[in-house]
């Protein structure tokens, strides 16, 4: 599990998320009775959602995850 918050919106608005593998997601949210496992102070905030989506688009468009992986690989000893 990886938690992300301020960086997800570029620090523009309060937002956060939890990133999990499909296997972990399926174990936690395996049925409707377990469908609500997470609460949110800022849930339903359209501005925060838009900022988060815009940030994810830039990450994908600019290949920043792949660039970070290459940087970590080339410089680790």
N, C-alpha and C. Protein backbone atom coordinates (compact mmCIF):
# COMPACT_ATOMS: atom_id res chain seq x y z
N UNK A 1 0.83 -1.16 0.00
CA UNK A 1 0.00 0.00 0.00
C UNK A 1 0.89 1.24 0.00
N UNK A 2 0.46 2.21 -0.78
CA UNK A 2 1.16 3.49 -0.85
C UNK A 2 0.12 4.58 -0.65
N UNK A 3 0.41 5.49 0.26
CA UNK A 3 -0.50 6.62 0.44
C UNK A 3 0.08 7.84 -0.24
N UNK A 4 -0.76 8.60 -0.88
CA UNK A 4 -0.35 9.85 -1.52
C UNK A 4 -1.34 10.93 -1.10
N UNK A 5 -0.85 12.15 -0.97
CA UNK A 5 -1.74 13.23 -0.56
C UNK A 5 -1.37 14.51 -1.29
N UNK A 6 -0.68 15.41 -0.62
CA UNK A 6 -0.45 16.74 -1.18
C UNK A 6 0.09 16.71 -2.61
N UNK A 7 0.97 15.80 -2.90
CA UNK A 7 1.55 15.73 -4.25
C UNK A 7 0.50 15.41 -5.30
N UNK A 8 -0.56 14.73 -4.91
CA UNK A 8 -1.59 14.35 -5.87
C UNK A 8 -2.27 15.56 -6.49
N UNK A 9 -2.36 16.65 -5.76
CA UNK A 9 -2.97 17.86 -6.32
C UNK A 9 -1.95 18.97 -6.51
N UNK A 10 -0.68 18.62 -6.42
CA UNK A 10 0.35 19.64 -6.53
C UNK A 10 0.33 20.60 -5.35
N UNK A 11 -0.26 20.19 -4.24
CA UNK A 11 -0.39 21.04 -3.08
C UNK A 11 -1.46 22.10 -3.20
N UNK A 12 -2.23 22.03 -4.28
CA UNK A 12 -3.23 23.06 -4.57
C UNK A 12 -4.46 22.96 -3.68
N UNK A 13 -4.96 21.75 -3.48
CA UNK A 13 -6.15 21.53 -2.64
C UNK A 13 -5.93 20.28 -1.80
N UNK A 14 -6.59 20.17 -0.65
CA UNK A 14 -6.46 18.96 0.17
C UNK A 14 -7.04 17.76 -0.57
N UNK A 15 -6.22 16.74 -0.72
CA UNK A 15 -6.67 15.50 -1.36
C UNK A 15 -5.74 14.37 -0.95
N UNK A 16 -6.15 13.17 -1.14
CA UNK A 16 -5.32 12.03 -0.82
C UNK A 16 -5.87 10.78 -1.46
N UNK A 17 -5.05 9.73 -1.47
CA UNK A 17 -5.47 8.46 -2.05
C UNK A 17 -4.59 7.35 -1.48
N UNK A 18 -5.08 6.14 -1.58
CA UNK A 18 -4.31 4.96 -1.21
C UNK A 18 -4.19 4.10 -2.46
N UNK A 19 -2.99 3.74 -2.81
CA UNK A 19 -2.72 2.90 -3.98
C UNK A 19 -2.44 1.48 -3.49
N UNK A 20 -3.15 0.52 -4.06
CA UNK A 20 -2.97 -0.88 -3.67
C UNK A 20 -2.96 -1.76 -4.92
N UNK A 21 -2.40 -2.94 -4.77
CA UNK A 21 -2.42 -3.90 -5.87
C UNK A 21 -3.84 -4.42 -6.05
N UNK A 22 -4.10 -5.00 -7.19
CA UNK A 22 -5.41 -5.59 -7.46
C UNK A 22 -5.71 -6.69 -6.44
N UNK A 23 -4.70 -7.49 -6.08
CA UNK A 23 -4.92 -8.58 -5.13
C UNK A 23 -5.33 -8.04 -3.76
N UNK A 24 -4.68 -7.00 -3.29
CA UNK A 24 -5.04 -6.40 -2.00
C UNK A 24 -6.43 -5.77 -2.07
N UNK A 25 -6.71 -5.09 -3.15
CA UNK A 25 -8.03 -4.47 -3.32
C UNK A 25 -9.13 -5.52 -3.27
N UNK A 26 -8.93 -6.61 -3.99
CA UNK A 26 -9.94 -7.67 -4.04
C UNK A 26 -10.16 -8.30 -2.67
N UNK A 27 -9.11 -8.40 -1.85
CA UNK A 27 -9.26 -8.98 -0.52
C UNK A 27 -10.02 -8.05 0.42
N UNK A 28 -9.77 -6.75 0.33
CA UNK A 28 -10.40 -5.80 1.23
C UNK A 28 -11.83 -5.50 0.80
N UNK A 29 -12.04 -5.32 -0.51
CA UNK A 29 -13.35 -4.94 -1.03
C UNK A 29 -13.99 -6.09 -1.79
N UNK A 30 -14.01 -7.26 -1.16
CA UNK A 30 -14.46 -8.46 -1.87
C UNK A 30 -15.97 -8.62 -1.92
N UNK A 31 -16.73 -7.72 -1.31
CA UNK A 31 -18.18 -7.82 -1.35
C UNK A 31 -18.82 -6.51 -0.93
N UNK A 32 -20.09 -6.38 -1.21
CA UNK A 32 -20.79 -5.14 -0.90
C UNK A 32 -20.77 -4.83 0.59
N UNK A 33 -20.83 -5.86 1.44
CA UNK A 33 -20.83 -5.61 2.88
C UNK A 33 -19.50 -5.01 3.35
N UNK A 34 -18.46 -5.17 2.56
CA UNK A 34 -17.16 -4.60 2.90
C UNK A 34 -16.79 -3.45 1.96
N UNK A 35 -17.75 -2.99 1.20
CA UNK A 35 -17.49 -1.97 0.18
C UNK A 35 -17.05 -0.62 0.70
N UNK A 36 -17.43 -0.29 1.94
CA UNK A 36 -17.04 1.01 2.49
C UNK A 36 -16.07 0.77 3.63
N UNK A 37 -14.81 0.78 3.32
CA UNK A 37 -13.75 0.56 4.29
C UNK A 37 -12.95 1.83 4.55
N UNK A 38 -13.27 2.87 3.87
CA UNK A 38 -12.45 4.07 3.90
C UNK A 38 -13.36 5.28 4.06
N UNK A 39 -13.01 6.16 4.98
CA UNK A 39 -13.74 7.41 5.13
C UNK A 39 -12.90 8.56 4.65
N UNK A 40 -13.51 9.70 4.47
CA UNK A 40 -12.76 10.82 3.94
C UNK A 40 -13.27 12.13 4.51
N UNK A 41 -12.34 12.97 4.94
CA UNK A 41 -12.68 14.31 5.40
C UNK A 41 -13.09 15.18 4.22
N UNK A 42 -12.44 14.99 3.08
CA UNK A 42 -12.65 15.85 1.93
C UNK A 42 -13.40 15.14 0.80
N UNK A 43 -14.06 14.03 1.09
CA UNK A 43 -14.78 13.27 0.06
C UNK A 43 -15.80 14.12 -0.66
N UNK A 44 -15.93 13.88 -1.94
CA UNK A 44 -16.91 14.60 -2.74
C UNK A 44 -16.46 15.98 -3.19
N UNK A 45 -15.18 16.27 -3.04
CA UNK A 45 -14.65 17.57 -3.41
C UNK A 45 -14.29 17.55 -4.91
N UNK A 46 -15.12 18.17 -5.73
CA UNK A 46 -14.90 18.16 -7.19
C UNK A 46 -13.59 18.82 -7.58
N UNK A 47 -13.21 19.90 -6.91
CA UNK A 47 -11.96 20.58 -7.23
C UNK A 47 -10.76 19.68 -6.94
N UNK A 48 -10.79 19.00 -5.79
CA UNK A 48 -9.70 18.09 -5.45
C UNK A 48 -9.62 16.95 -6.46
N UNK A 49 -10.77 16.42 -6.87
CA UNK A 49 -10.78 15.34 -7.85
C UNK A 49 -10.21 15.82 -9.19
N UNK A 50 -10.59 17.01 -9.62
CA UNK A 50 -10.08 17.55 -10.88
C UNK A 50 -8.58 17.78 -10.81
N UNK A 51 -8.10 18.30 -9.68
CA UNK A 51 -6.66 18.53 -9.52
C UNK A 51 -5.90 17.21 -9.54
N UNK A 52 -6.44 16.19 -8.87
CA UNK A 52 -5.80 14.88 -8.87
C UNK A 52 -5.75 14.25 -10.26
N UNK A 53 -6.84 14.35 -10.99
CA UNK A 53 -6.88 13.81 -12.36
C UNK A 53 -5.87 14.55 -13.25
N UNK A 54 -5.80 15.86 -13.11
CA UNK A 54 -4.84 16.64 -13.91
C UNK A 54 -3.40 16.22 -13.60
N UNK A 55 -3.11 16.00 -12.33
CA UNK A 55 -1.77 15.56 -11.94
C UNK A 55 -1.46 14.19 -12.53
N UNK A 56 -2.40 13.26 -12.46
CA UNK A 56 -2.18 11.93 -13.02
C UNK A 56 -1.98 11.98 -14.53
N UNK A 57 -2.68 12.86 -15.19
CA UNK A 57 -2.51 13.02 -16.65
C UNK A 57 -1.11 13.50 -16.99
N UNK A 58 -0.59 14.45 -16.22
CA UNK A 58 0.78 14.95 -16.46
C UNK A 58 1.79 13.84 -16.21
N UNK A 59 1.61 13.07 -15.13
CA UNK A 59 2.51 11.95 -14.86
C UNK A 59 2.56 10.98 -16.03
N UNK A 60 1.38 10.64 -16.57
CA UNK A 60 1.31 9.71 -17.69
C UNK A 60 1.86 10.34 -18.97
N UNK A 61 1.45 11.57 -19.27
CA UNK A 61 1.87 12.24 -20.50
C UNK A 61 3.38 12.40 -20.59
N UNK A 62 3.99 12.76 -19.48
CA UNK A 62 5.43 13.02 -19.48
C UNK A 62 6.27 11.80 -19.11
N UNK A 63 5.62 10.67 -18.87
CA UNK A 63 6.36 9.44 -18.55
C UNK A 63 7.20 9.57 -17.29
N UNK A 64 6.69 10.27 -16.29
CA UNK A 64 7.50 10.56 -15.11
C UNK A 64 7.78 9.33 -14.26
N UNK A 65 6.88 8.38 -14.22
CA UNK A 65 7.14 7.16 -13.45
C UNK A 65 8.28 6.37 -14.10
N UNK A 66 8.23 6.24 -15.41
CA UNK A 66 9.30 5.52 -16.13
C UNK A 66 10.64 6.24 -15.99
N UNK A 67 10.60 7.57 -16.07
CA UNK A 67 11.83 8.36 -15.92
C UNK A 67 12.43 8.16 -14.53
N UNK A 68 11.59 8.16 -13.50
CA UNK A 68 12.07 7.94 -12.14
C UNK A 68 12.66 6.55 -11.99
N UNK A 69 12.02 5.56 -12.60
CA UNK A 69 12.54 4.19 -12.53
C UNK A 69 13.91 4.09 -13.21
N UNK A 70 14.06 4.74 -14.36
CA UNK A 70 15.37 4.73 -15.05
C UNK A 70 16.42 5.43 -14.20
N UNK A 71 16.07 6.54 -13.60
CA UNK A 71 17.02 7.29 -12.76
C UNK A 71 17.45 6.47 -11.58
N UNK A 72 16.53 5.77 -10.94
CA UNK A 72 16.85 4.96 -9.77
C UNK A 72 17.74 3.79 -10.17
N UNK A 73 17.49 3.22 -11.34
CA UNK A 73 18.26 2.07 -11.80
C UNK A 73 19.68 2.47 -12.18
N UNK A 74 19.81 3.59 -12.87
CA UNK A 74 21.14 3.97 -13.37
C UNK A 74 22.04 4.47 -12.27
N UNK A 75 21.48 4.94 -11.15
CA UNK A 75 22.31 5.59 -10.14
C UNK A 75 22.47 4.78 -8.88
N UNK A 76 21.84 3.63 -8.78
CA UNK A 76 21.97 2.82 -7.57
C UNK A 76 23.19 1.93 -7.66
N UNK A 77 23.80 1.72 -6.53
CA UNK A 77 24.99 0.86 -6.48
C UNK A 77 24.86 -0.19 -5.43
